[in-house]
Amino acid sequence: MKRRIWTLSSLAVLSVALNATVAGAAVRTVYGVPTVHRTAVVVAPVVVVAPAPKGVVVAPAAVVVVALPSGYIAVLPAGYKAVMVGGARYYYVGGIHYQARFYQGRTCYVRVRL
């Protein structure tokens, strides 16, 4: 879009330069000495430049921070191992067992003592 506007403005300037007409010189006398003043008159065709449409800014989705109760974590620490104890799945990392639970529609992990 910027390139199109730049091209249109360049064409407008070029057309003004090519179609310009310059009026003749006018003679004046200043302090008894004739001087020549050149007056440039530029005649250009009417060029209509449409304004560029406003850009659309898309904001990222708002991050919802859910406060978890004490002992709950949202993400397991790195290096966890899934273990089965009594038919239930637990996640073991750093000497602590975690159990997956749902809290307000999200999966989170609770520290448990086995």
N, C-alpha and C. Protein backbone atom coordinates (compact mmCIF):
# COMPACT_ATOMS: atom_id res chain seq x y z
N MET A 1 0.83 -1.18 0.00
CA MET A 1 0.00 0.00 0.00
C MET A 1 0.87 1.25 0.00
N LYS A 2 1.95 1.26 0.80
CA LYS A 2 2.84 2.41 0.83
C LYS A 2 3.50 2.61 -0.52
N ARG A 3 3.83 1.50 -1.19
CA ARG A 3 4.48 1.60 -2.50
C ARG A 3 3.53 2.22 -3.51
N ARG A 4 2.24 1.89 -3.43
CA ARG A 4 1.26 2.45 -4.35
C ARG A 4 1.13 3.96 -4.12
N ILE A 5 1.07 4.40 -2.87
CA ILE A 5 0.98 5.83 -2.56
C ILE A 5 2.23 6.54 -3.05
N TRP A 6 3.40 5.94 -2.84
CA TRP A 6 4.64 6.54 -3.28
C TRP A 6 4.65 6.68 -4.80
N THR A 7 4.17 5.65 -5.51
CA THR A 7 4.12 5.68 -6.96
C THR A 7 3.17 6.77 -7.45
N LEU A 8 1.99 6.88 -6.83
CA LEU A 8 1.03 7.90 -7.23
C LEU A 8 1.58 9.29 -7.00
N SER A 9 2.23 9.52 -5.86
CA SER A 9 2.79 10.84 -5.58
C SER A 9 3.94 11.14 -6.53
N SER A 10 4.75 10.15 -6.89
CA SER A 10 5.84 10.36 -7.84
C SER A 10 5.29 10.72 -9.21
N LEU A 11 4.23 10.04 -9.64
CA LEU A 11 3.60 10.36 -10.91
C LEU A 11 3.01 11.77 -10.91
N ALA A 12 2.45 12.19 -9.80
CA ALA A 12 1.87 13.53 -9.70
C ALA A 12 2.97 14.58 -9.84
N VAL A 13 4.09 14.39 -9.17
CA VAL A 13 5.20 15.34 -9.26
C VAL A 13 5.77 15.35 -10.67
N LEU A 14 5.90 14.20 -11.30
CA LEU A 14 6.42 14.12 -12.65
C LEU A 14 5.50 14.82 -13.64
N SER A 15 4.20 14.65 -13.49
CA SER A 15 3.26 15.30 -14.40
C SER A 15 3.29 16.81 -14.22
N VAL A 16 3.47 17.27 -12.98
CA VAL A 16 3.59 18.71 -12.74
C VAL A 16 4.84 19.23 -13.43
N ALA A 17 5.95 18.51 -13.34
CA ALA A 17 7.20 18.95 -13.94
C ALA A 17 7.11 18.96 -15.46
N LEU A 18 6.44 17.99 -16.06
CA LEU A 18 6.34 17.91 -17.51
C LEU A 18 5.32 18.89 -18.09
N ASN A 19 4.26 19.16 -17.38
CA ASN A 19 3.19 20.02 -17.90
C ASN A 19 3.29 21.46 -17.43
N ALA A 20 4.32 21.79 -16.69
CA ALA A 20 4.44 23.13 -16.13
C ALA A 20 4.74 24.14 -17.24
N THR A 21 4.18 25.34 -17.09
CA THR A 21 4.50 26.42 -18.00
C THR A 21 5.08 27.55 -17.18
N VAL A 22 6.06 28.26 -17.74
CA VAL A 22 6.71 29.36 -17.02
C VAL A 22 6.38 30.65 -17.72
N ALA A 23 5.93 31.64 -16.96
CA ALA A 23 5.59 32.94 -17.53
C ALA A 23 6.86 33.69 -17.88
N GLY A 24 6.72 34.68 -18.74
CA GLY A 24 7.87 35.48 -19.19
C GLY A 24 8.43 36.36 -18.08
N ALA A 25 9.56 37.02 -18.38
CA ALA A 25 10.24 37.87 -17.42
C ALA A 25 9.59 39.24 -17.36
N ALA A 26 9.61 39.84 -16.18
CA ALA A 26 9.08 41.19 -15.99
C ALA A 26 10.26 42.13 -15.70
N VAL A 27 10.25 43.33 -16.30
CA VAL A 27 11.35 44.30 -16.11
C VAL A 27 10.90 45.34 -15.12
N ARG A 28 11.75 45.61 -14.10
CA ARG A 28 11.48 46.61 -13.09
C ARG A 28 12.68 47.53 -13.00
N THR A 29 12.44 48.72 -12.49
CA THR A 29 13.54 49.65 -12.28
C THR A 29 13.67 49.89 -10.79
N VAL A 30 14.86 49.58 -10.23
CA VAL A 30 15.13 49.81 -8.82
C VAL A 30 16.32 50.75 -8.74
N TYR A 31 16.12 51.93 -8.10
CA TYR A 31 17.17 52.94 -7.98
C TYR A 31 17.74 53.31 -9.34
N GLY A 32 16.90 53.41 -10.34
CA GLY A 32 17.32 53.82 -11.66
C GLY A 32 17.99 52.75 -12.48
N VAL A 33 18.14 51.52 -11.94
CA VAL A 33 18.80 50.45 -12.65
C VAL A 33 17.74 49.42 -13.03
N PRO A 34 17.62 49.13 -14.33
CA PRO A 34 16.62 48.12 -14.70
C PRO A 34 17.05 46.72 -14.24
N THR A 35 16.16 45.98 -13.62
CA THR A 35 16.42 44.62 -13.17
C THR A 35 15.40 43.70 -13.81
N VAL A 36 15.81 42.51 -13.96
CA VAL A 36 14.91 41.51 -14.55
C VAL A 36 14.51 40.54 -13.45
N HIS A 37 13.23 40.46 -13.22
CA HIS A 37 12.69 39.50 -12.24
C HIS A 37 11.93 38.44 -13.00
N ARG A 38 12.27 37.28 -12.74
CA ARG A 38 11.55 36.19 -13.39
C ARG A 38 10.52 35.65 -12.40
N THR A 39 9.33 35.57 -12.86
CA THR A 39 8.26 35.06 -12.03
C THR A 39 7.84 33.72 -12.61
N ALA A 40 7.97 32.70 -11.83
CA ALA A 40 7.60 31.37 -12.30
C ALA A 40 6.18 31.06 -11.88
N VAL A 41 5.39 30.70 -12.87
CA VAL A 41 4.02 30.30 -12.60
C VAL A 41 3.88 28.86 -13.06
N VAL A 42 3.49 28.01 -12.17
CA VAL A 42 3.35 26.59 -12.49
C VAL A 42 1.88 26.27 -12.60
N VAL A 43 1.51 25.73 -13.74
CA VAL A 43 0.13 25.31 -13.97
C VAL A 43 0.14 23.80 -14.04
N ALA A 44 -0.60 23.18 -13.17
CA ALA A 44 -0.61 21.73 -13.12
C ALA A 44 -2.03 21.21 -13.25
N PRO A 45 -2.16 20.04 -13.81
CA PRO A 45 -3.50 19.44 -13.87
C PRO A 45 -3.95 19.04 -12.47
N VAL A 46 -5.24 18.94 -12.31
CA VAL A 46 -5.79 18.56 -11.02
C VAL A 46 -5.54 17.08 -10.80
N VAL A 47 -4.87 16.76 -9.71
CA VAL A 47 -4.58 15.37 -9.37
C VAL A 47 -5.31 15.06 -8.08
N VAL A 48 -6.14 14.07 -8.11
CA VAL A 48 -6.88 13.66 -6.92
C VAL A 48 -6.19 12.43 -6.35
N VAL A 49 -5.73 12.57 -5.12
CA VAL A 49 -5.09 11.45 -4.44
C VAL A 49 -6.01 11.03 -3.30
N ALA A 50 -6.48 9.82 -3.38
CA ALA A 50 -7.37 9.31 -2.34
C ALA A 50 -6.56 8.98 -1.10
N PRO A 51 -7.09 9.31 0.07
CA PRO A 51 -6.36 8.98 1.29
C PRO A 51 -6.27 7.46 1.48
N ALA A 52 -5.18 7.05 2.04
CA ALA A 52 -4.98 5.62 2.28
C ALA A 52 -5.94 5.15 3.36
N PRO A 53 -6.45 3.95 3.22
CA PRO A 53 -7.32 3.44 4.28
C PRO A 53 -6.52 3.25 5.56
N LYS A 54 -7.20 3.45 6.64
CA LYS A 54 -6.54 3.29 7.93
C LYS A 54 -6.20 1.83 8.16
N GLY A 55 -5.03 1.60 8.73
CA GLY A 55 -4.60 0.23 9.01
C GLY A 55 -5.44 -0.41 10.09
N VAL A 56 -5.55 -1.68 10.01
CA VAL A 56 -6.31 -2.42 11.01
C VAL A 56 -5.33 -3.04 11.99
N VAL A 57 -5.50 -2.72 13.24
CA VAL A 57 -4.63 -3.25 14.27
C VAL A 57 -5.39 -4.36 14.99
N VAL A 58 -4.81 -5.53 15.01
CA VAL A 58 -5.44 -6.65 15.68
C VAL A 58 -4.69 -6.88 16.98
N ALA A 59 -5.39 -6.68 18.08
CA ALA A 59 -4.78 -6.87 19.38
C ALA A 59 -4.78 -8.35 19.73
N PRO A 60 -3.72 -8.80 20.38
CA PRO A 60 -3.72 -10.20 20.80
C PRO A 60 -4.81 -10.44 21.85
N ALA A 61 -5.24 -11.66 21.95
CA ALA A 61 -6.27 -12.01 22.92
C ALA A 61 -5.77 -11.71 24.33
N ALA A 62 -6.67 -11.26 25.15
CA ALA A 62 -6.31 -10.94 26.52
C ALA A 62 -5.89 -12.20 27.27
N VAL A 63 -4.86 -12.06 28.04
CA VAL A 63 -4.39 -13.19 28.83
C VAL A 63 -5.18 -13.22 30.13
N VAL A 64 -5.82 -14.33 30.37
CA VAL A 64 -6.63 -14.47 31.58
C VAL A 64 -5.76 -15.15 32.65
N VAL A 65 -5.57 -14.46 33.72
CA VAL A 65 -4.78 -15.00 34.81
C VAL A 65 -5.75 -15.53 35.86
N VAL A 66 -5.68 -16.81 36.08
CA VAL A 66 -6.56 -17.44 37.05
C VAL A 66 -5.74 -17.70 38.30
N ALA A 67 -6.18 -17.13 39.38
CA ALA A 67 -5.49 -17.36 40.64
C ALA A 67 -5.83 -18.78 41.12
N LEU A 68 -4.81 -19.56 41.34
CA LEU A 68 -5.02 -20.94 41.77
C LEU A 68 -4.94 -21.02 43.29
N PRO A 69 -5.69 -21.94 43.87
CA PRO A 69 -5.62 -22.11 45.32
C PRO A 69 -4.22 -22.59 45.75
N SER A 70 -3.96 -22.49 47.00
CA SER A 70 -2.67 -22.91 47.55
C SER A 70 -2.42 -24.39 47.26
N GLY A 71 -1.22 -24.71 46.77
CA GLY A 71 -0.85 -26.09 46.49
C GLY A 71 -1.11 -26.51 45.06
N TYR A 72 -1.84 -25.69 44.29
CA TYR A 72 -2.12 -25.98 42.89
C TYR A 72 -1.07 -25.26 42.03
N ILE A 73 -0.66 -25.92 40.93
CA ILE A 73 0.22 -25.27 39.97
C ILE A 73 -0.38 -25.46 38.58
N ALA A 74 -0.11 -24.51 37.68
CA ALA A 74 -0.70 -24.57 36.35
C ALA A 74 0.12 -25.44 35.40
N VAL A 75 1.45 -25.50 35.61
CA VAL A 75 2.33 -26.24 34.70
C VAL A 75 3.28 -27.08 35.54
N LEU A 76 3.49 -28.30 35.09
CA LEU A 76 4.44 -29.16 35.78
C LEU A 76 5.87 -28.67 35.56
N PRO A 77 6.74 -28.83 36.54
CA PRO A 77 8.14 -28.48 36.34
C PRO A 77 8.76 -29.37 35.26
N ALA A 78 9.82 -28.85 34.64
CA ALA A 78 10.48 -29.61 33.56
C ALA A 78 11.11 -30.87 34.11
N GLY A 79 11.11 -31.93 33.31
CA GLY A 79 11.75 -33.19 33.69
C GLY A 79 10.87 -34.13 34.48
N TYR A 80 9.56 -33.96 34.44
CA TYR A 80 8.67 -34.84 35.20
C TYR A 80 8.58 -36.21 34.54
N LYS A 81 8.18 -37.21 35.35
CA LYS A 81 7.94 -38.57 34.87
C LYS A 81 6.55 -38.98 35.31
N ALA A 82 5.80 -39.60 34.38
CA ALA A 82 4.48 -40.10 34.74
C ALA A 82 4.65 -41.47 35.41
N VAL A 83 4.03 -41.64 36.59
CA VAL A 83 4.10 -42.91 37.32
C VAL A 83 2.68 -43.33 37.68
N MET A 84 2.47 -44.65 37.75
CA MET A 84 1.18 -45.20 38.15
C MET A 84 1.30 -45.74 39.57
N VAL A 85 0.44 -45.26 40.44
CA VAL A 85 0.43 -45.73 41.83
C VAL A 85 -1.01 -46.09 42.16
N GLY A 86 -1.28 -47.37 42.44
CA GLY A 86 -2.63 -47.82 42.81
C GLY A 86 -3.64 -47.58 41.71
N GLY A 87 -3.23 -47.63 40.44
CA GLY A 87 -4.15 -47.44 39.32
C GLY A 87 -4.38 -45.98 38.96
N ALA A 88 -3.77 -45.05 39.67
CA ALA A 88 -3.93 -43.62 39.37
C ALA A 88 -2.62 -43.07 38.80
N ARG A 89 -2.72 -42.13 37.92
CA ARG A 89 -1.52 -41.54 37.32
C ARG A 89 -1.08 -40.32 38.12
N TYR A 90 0.17 -40.31 38.46
CA TYR A 90 0.80 -39.18 39.15
C TYR A 90 2.01 -38.74 38.33
N TYR A 91 2.45 -37.54 38.58
CA TYR A 91 3.64 -37.01 37.91
C TYR A 91 4.68 -36.75 38.98
N TYR A 92 5.87 -37.30 38.77
CA TYR A 92 6.92 -37.24 39.78
C TYR A 92 8.07 -36.38 39.26
N VAL A 93 8.46 -35.41 40.05
CA VAL A 93 9.60 -34.56 39.70
C VAL A 93 10.17 -33.94 40.98
N GLY A 94 11.47 -34.01 41.11
CA GLY A 94 12.15 -33.38 42.25
C GLY A 94 11.73 -33.93 43.59
N GLY A 95 11.36 -35.21 43.65
CA GLY A 95 10.97 -35.81 44.93
C GLY A 95 9.53 -35.50 45.34
N ILE A 96 8.75 -34.89 44.45
CA ILE A 96 7.36 -34.52 44.77
C ILE A 96 6.45 -35.17 43.73
N HIS A 97 5.30 -35.69 44.23
CA HIS A 97 4.29 -36.26 43.35
C HIS A 97 3.18 -35.23 43.14
N TYR A 98 2.73 -35.12 41.88
CA TYR A 98 1.63 -34.22 41.54
C TYR A 98 0.53 -35.05 40.89
N GLN A 99 -0.74 -34.65 41.13
CA GLN A 99 -1.88 -35.31 40.52
C GLN A 99 -2.65 -34.27 39.69
N ALA A 100 -3.05 -34.67 38.48
CA ALA A 100 -3.81 -33.76 37.60
C ALA A 100 -5.22 -33.59 38.13
N ARG A 101 -5.70 -32.36 38.12
CA ARG A 101 -7.06 -32.03 38.55
C ARG A 101 -7.63 -30.97 37.63
N PHE A 102 -8.94 -30.86 37.60
CA PHE A 102 -9.58 -29.77 36.88
C PHE A 102 -9.98 -28.71 37.88
N TYR A 103 -9.65 -27.46 37.54
CA TYR A 103 -10.03 -26.32 38.38
C TYR A 103 -10.51 -25.22 37.45
N GLN A 104 -11.77 -24.85 37.56
CA GLN A 104 -12.41 -23.82 36.73
C GLN A 104 -12.20 -24.09 35.24
N GLY A 105 -12.34 -25.36 34.84
CA GLY A 105 -12.25 -25.74 33.45
C GLY A 105 -10.84 -25.89 32.91
N ARG A 106 -9.85 -25.79 33.75
CA ARG A 106 -8.45 -25.94 33.33
C ARG A 106 -7.82 -27.11 34.03
N THR A 107 -6.86 -27.73 33.36
CA THR A 107 -6.09 -28.79 34.02
C THR A 107 -4.98 -28.15 34.82
N CYS A 108 -4.90 -28.49 36.07
CA CYS A 108 -3.82 -27.99 36.91
C CYS A 108 -3.32 -29.19 37.73
N TYR A 109 -2.31 -28.98 38.52
CA TYR A 109 -1.67 -30.09 39.23
C TYR A 109 -1.58 -29.75 40.70
N VAL A 110 -1.88 -30.78 41.51
CA VAL A 110 -1.91 -30.62 42.96
C VAL A 110 -0.80 -31.50 43.55
N ARG A 111 -0.09 -30.95 44.50
CA ARG A 111 0.95 -31.71 45.20
C ARG A 111 0.27 -32.71 46.15
N VAL A 112 0.69 -33.95 46.05
CA VAL A 112 0.11 -34.99 46.92
C VAL A 112 1.23 -35.71 47.65
N ARG A 113 0.87 -36.27 48.79
CA ARG A 113 1.84 -37.08 49.55
C ARG A 113 1.40 -38.53 49.50
N LEU A 114 2.28 -39.34 48.99
CA LEU A 114 1.97 -40.77 48.88
C LEU A 114 2.65 -41.55 49.97
